[in-house]
Amino acid sequence: MMRNPDHLIAYAVCINNADYPASLERHKIYRVLPDEDAAADGDLRIIDESGEDYLYSADRFVPIQLPSAVEKSFEMAA
């Protein structure tokens, strides 16, 4: 699993939105919030299309590391 300097996944791309088509879009980048308990259970805490954070199975996502300019742009938009 990729890790950023804070040892937390910050972003992930959705590769499977089955059963959650209104909440997740395939191939979209999502912000991942730190949640060690969720990670221990195989889940990620994702800010989904509702703008709220929910737990989803980690196998629905691929963690990615964004270039710093893109990450800053995402953070400014939040």
N, C-alpha and C. Protein backbone atom coordinates (compact mmCIF):
# COMPACT_ATOMS: atom_id res chain seq x y z
N MET A 1 0.84 -1.18 0.00
CA MET A 1 0.00 0.00 0.00
C MET A 1 0.89 1.23 0.00
N MET A 2 0.55 2.21 -0.85
CA MET A 2 1.35 3.44 -0.92
C MET A 2 1.09 4.28 0.33
N ARG A 3 2.11 5.00 0.73
CA ARG A 3 1.97 5.84 1.91
C ARG A 3 2.56 7.20 1.62
N ASN A 4 1.90 8.25 2.11
CA ASN A 4 2.44 9.58 1.96
C ASN A 4 3.37 9.86 3.15
N PRO A 5 3.98 11.03 3.23
CA PRO A 5 4.91 11.27 4.34
C PRO A 5 4.29 11.13 5.73
N ASP A 6 2.99 11.31 5.85
CA ASP A 6 2.33 11.15 7.15
C ASP A 6 1.95 9.70 7.41
N HIS A 7 2.33 8.79 6.52
CA HIS A 7 2.03 7.35 6.63
C HIS A 7 0.54 7.06 6.53
N LEU A 8 -0.19 7.91 5.81
CA LEU A 8 -1.62 7.72 5.62
C LEU A 8 -1.94 7.86 4.14
N ILE A 9 -2.87 7.06 3.67
CA ILE A 9 -3.33 7.23 2.29
C ILE A 9 -4.17 8.50 2.26
N ALA A 10 -3.86 9.40 1.35
CA ALA A 10 -4.60 10.64 1.27
C ALA A 10 -5.63 10.65 0.14
N TYR A 11 -5.33 9.90 -0.94
CA TYR A 11 -6.22 9.87 -2.09
C TYR A 11 -6.27 8.46 -2.67
N ALA A 12 -7.41 8.14 -3.29
CA ALA A 12 -7.56 6.84 -3.93
C ALA A 12 -8.52 6.99 -5.10
N VAL A 13 -8.34 6.12 -6.10
CA VAL A 13 -9.22 6.09 -7.26
C VAL A 13 -10.20 4.95 -7.08
N CYS A 14 -11.47 5.23 -7.29
CA CYS A 14 -12.50 4.20 -7.21
C CYS A 14 -12.42 3.30 -8.45
N ILE A 15 -12.36 1.99 -8.23
CA ILE A 15 -12.34 1.05 -9.35
C ILE A 15 -13.58 0.16 -9.35
N ASN A 16 -14.42 0.27 -8.32
CA ASN A 16 -15.62 -0.57 -8.22
C ASN A 16 -16.68 0.19 -7.43
N ASN A 17 -17.74 0.62 -8.11
CA ASN A 17 -18.82 1.32 -7.41
C ASN A 17 -20.10 0.48 -7.34
N ALA A 18 -19.98 -0.83 -7.55
CA ALA A 18 -21.13 -1.73 -7.49
C ALA A 18 -21.86 -1.54 -6.17
N ASP A 19 -23.17 -1.44 -6.23
CA ASP A 19 -24.06 -1.23 -5.09
C ASP A 19 -24.03 0.20 -4.54
N TYR A 20 -23.16 1.06 -5.07
CA TYR A 20 -23.06 2.45 -4.59
C TYR A 20 -22.97 3.44 -5.75
N PRO A 21 -23.78 3.29 -6.82
CA PRO A 21 -23.62 4.18 -7.98
C PRO A 21 -23.91 5.65 -7.69
N ALA A 22 -24.73 5.94 -6.70
CA ALA A 22 -25.01 7.34 -6.37
C ALA A 22 -23.95 7.94 -5.45
N SER A 23 -23.18 7.08 -4.78
CA SER A 23 -22.20 7.55 -3.80
C SER A 23 -20.78 7.57 -4.32
N LEU A 24 -20.48 6.69 -5.28
CA LEU A 24 -19.12 6.57 -5.81
C LEU A 24 -19.16 6.55 -7.33
N GLU A 25 -18.17 7.19 -7.95
CA GLU A 25 -18.01 7.15 -9.40
C GLU A 25 -16.74 6.40 -9.73
N ARG A 26 -16.85 5.44 -10.64
CA ARG A 26 -15.64 4.72 -11.07
C ARG A 26 -14.67 5.69 -11.72
N HIS A 27 -13.40 5.48 -11.45
CA HIS A 27 -12.28 6.23 -12.02
C HIS A 27 -12.16 7.65 -11.46
N LYS A 28 -12.89 7.97 -10.43
CA LYS A 28 -12.78 9.29 -9.81
C LYS A 28 -11.82 9.22 -8.62
N ILE A 29 -11.10 10.31 -8.40
CA ILE A 29 -10.19 10.41 -7.25
C ILE A 29 -11.00 10.87 -6.04
N TYR A 30 -10.81 10.16 -4.93
CA TYR A 30 -11.50 10.51 -3.68
C TYR A 30 -10.48 10.77 -2.58
N ARG A 31 -10.84 11.67 -1.70
CA ARG A 31 -10.04 11.96 -0.51
C ARG A 31 -10.29 10.86 0.50
N VAL A 32 -9.22 10.39 1.11
CA VAL A 32 -9.29 9.35 2.14
C VAL A 32 -8.89 9.98 3.47
N LEU A 33 -9.74 9.82 4.47
CA LEU A 33 -9.46 10.33 5.80
C LEU A 33 -8.79 9.25 6.65
N PRO A 34 -7.88 9.64 7.52
CA PRO A 34 -7.21 8.65 8.37
C PRO A 34 -8.21 7.96 9.30
N ASP A 35 -8.14 6.64 9.37
CA ASP A 35 -8.97 5.87 10.27
C ASP A 35 -8.31 4.50 10.45
N GLU A 36 -7.49 4.38 11.47
CA GLU A 36 -6.74 3.15 11.71
C GLU A 36 -7.65 1.96 11.97
N ASP A 37 -8.74 2.17 12.70
CA ASP A 37 -9.67 1.07 12.99
C ASP A 37 -10.30 0.55 11.69
N ALA A 38 -10.70 1.47 10.82
CA ALA A 38 -11.28 1.07 9.54
C ALA A 38 -10.26 0.30 8.72
N ALA A 39 -9.04 0.80 8.66
CA ALA A 39 -7.98 0.15 7.88
C ALA A 39 -7.72 -1.26 8.41
N ALA A 40 -7.76 -1.43 9.72
CA ALA A 40 -7.54 -2.76 10.31
C ALA A 40 -8.63 -3.74 9.89
N ASP A 41 -9.81 -3.21 9.57
CA ASP A 41 -10.93 -4.05 9.12
C ASP A 41 -10.99 -4.16 7.59
N GLY A 42 -10.01 -3.56 6.88
CA GLY A 42 -10.00 -3.62 5.42
C GLY A 42 -10.85 -2.57 4.75
N ASP A 43 -11.13 -1.49 5.47
CA ASP A 43 -11.97 -0.42 4.94
C ASP A 43 -11.18 0.88 4.82
N LEU A 44 -11.73 1.81 4.03
CA LEU A 44 -11.21 3.17 3.93
C LEU A 44 -12.33 4.13 4.26
N ARG A 45 -11.99 5.24 4.91
CA ARG A 45 -12.97 6.30 5.18
C ARG A 45 -12.84 7.31 4.04
N ILE A 46 -13.86 7.31 3.17
CA ILE A 46 -13.85 8.09 1.94
C ILE A 46 -14.84 9.23 2.03
N ILE A 47 -14.45 10.41 1.54
CA ILE A 47 -15.42 11.49 1.35
C ILE A 47 -16.05 11.24 -0.01
N ASP A 48 -17.31 10.81 0.02
CA ASP A 48 -17.97 10.38 -1.22
C ASP A 48 -18.75 11.51 -1.88
N GLU A 49 -19.61 11.17 -2.83
CA GLU A 49 -20.36 12.17 -3.59
C GLU A 49 -21.31 13.00 -2.73
N SER A 50 -21.67 12.51 -1.56
CA SER A 50 -22.55 13.28 -0.68
C SER A 50 -21.79 14.40 0.02
N GLY A 51 -20.45 14.33 -0.02
CA GLY A 51 -19.63 15.31 0.68
C GLY A 51 -19.34 14.90 2.11
N GLU A 52 -19.90 13.77 2.51
CA GLU A 52 -19.68 13.23 3.86
C GLU A 52 -18.71 12.06 3.78
N ASP A 53 -18.15 11.68 4.93
CA ASP A 53 -17.25 10.54 4.94
C ASP A 53 -17.97 9.28 5.39
N TYR A 54 -17.71 8.20 4.66
CA TYR A 54 -18.30 6.90 4.94
C TYR A 54 -17.24 5.82 4.75
N LEU A 55 -17.46 4.67 5.37
CA LEU A 55 -16.54 3.55 5.20
C LEU A 55 -16.93 2.73 3.99
N TYR A 56 -15.93 2.39 3.19
CA TYR A 56 -16.09 1.51 2.04
C TYR A 56 -14.96 0.50 2.07
N SER A 57 -15.21 -0.66 1.52
CA SER A 57 -14.19 -1.69 1.43
C SER A 57 -13.00 -1.16 0.62
N ALA A 58 -11.81 -1.37 1.15
CA ALA A 58 -10.59 -0.86 0.50
C ALA A 58 -10.39 -1.46 -0.89
N ASP A 59 -10.96 -2.64 -1.14
CA ASP A 59 -10.75 -3.25 -2.45
C ASP A 59 -11.53 -2.55 -3.56
N ARG A 60 -12.34 -1.58 -3.21
CA ARG A 60 -13.04 -0.76 -4.21
C ARG A 60 -12.15 0.36 -4.75
N PHE A 61 -10.97 0.54 -4.15
CA PHE A 61 -10.11 1.68 -4.45
C PHE A 61 -8.66 1.26 -4.67
N VAL A 62 -7.95 2.09 -5.41
CA VAL A 62 -6.50 1.96 -5.55
C VAL A 62 -5.89 3.24 -4.99
N PRO A 63 -5.05 3.11 -3.96
CA PRO A 63 -4.42 4.31 -3.41
C PRO A 63 -3.46 4.93 -4.42
N ILE A 64 -3.43 6.25 -4.45
CA ILE A 64 -2.53 6.96 -5.37
C ILE A 64 -1.82 8.08 -4.62
N GLN A 65 -0.70 8.47 -5.18
CA GLN A 65 0.03 9.62 -4.64
C GLN A 65 -0.02 10.69 -5.71
N LEU A 66 -0.57 11.84 -5.36
CA LEU A 66 -0.72 12.92 -6.32
C LEU A 66 0.54 13.78 -6.34
N PRO A 67 0.84 14.39 -7.49
CA PRO A 67 1.90 15.39 -7.51
C PRO A 67 1.53 16.51 -6.54
N SER A 68 2.51 17.15 -5.95
CA SER A 68 2.23 18.15 -4.91
C SER A 68 1.34 19.28 -5.41
N ALA A 69 1.50 19.73 -6.65
CA ALA A 69 0.66 20.81 -7.17
C ALA A 69 -0.80 20.38 -7.26
N VAL A 70 -1.05 19.13 -7.65
CA VAL A 70 -2.42 18.63 -7.72
C VAL A 70 -3.00 18.47 -6.32
N GLU A 71 -2.21 17.95 -5.39
CA GLU A 71 -2.67 17.79 -4.02
C GLU A 71 -3.04 19.14 -3.41
N LYS A 72 -2.22 20.16 -3.64
CA LYS A 72 -2.53 21.50 -3.12
C LYS A 72 -3.83 22.03 -3.72
N SER A 73 -4.04 21.77 -5.00
CA SER A 73 -5.26 22.20 -5.67
C SER A 73 -6.48 21.53 -5.04
N PHE A 74 -6.38 20.23 -4.76
CA PHE A 74 -7.46 19.49 -4.10
C PHE A 74 -7.73 20.08 -2.73
N GLU A 75 -6.69 20.36 -1.97
CA GLU A 75 -6.85 20.88 -0.61
C GLU A 75 -7.50 22.26 -0.62
N MET A 76 -7.17 23.09 -1.62
CA MET A 76 -7.76 24.42 -1.70
C MET A 76 -9.24 24.34 -2.05
N ALA A 77 -9.63 23.31 -2.79
CA ALA A 77 -11.03 23.16 -3.20
C ALA A 77 -11.90 22.61 -2.09
N ALA A 78 -11.27 22.00 -1.08
CA ALA A 78 -12.05 21.36 0.00
C ALA A 78 -12.63 22.38 0.95
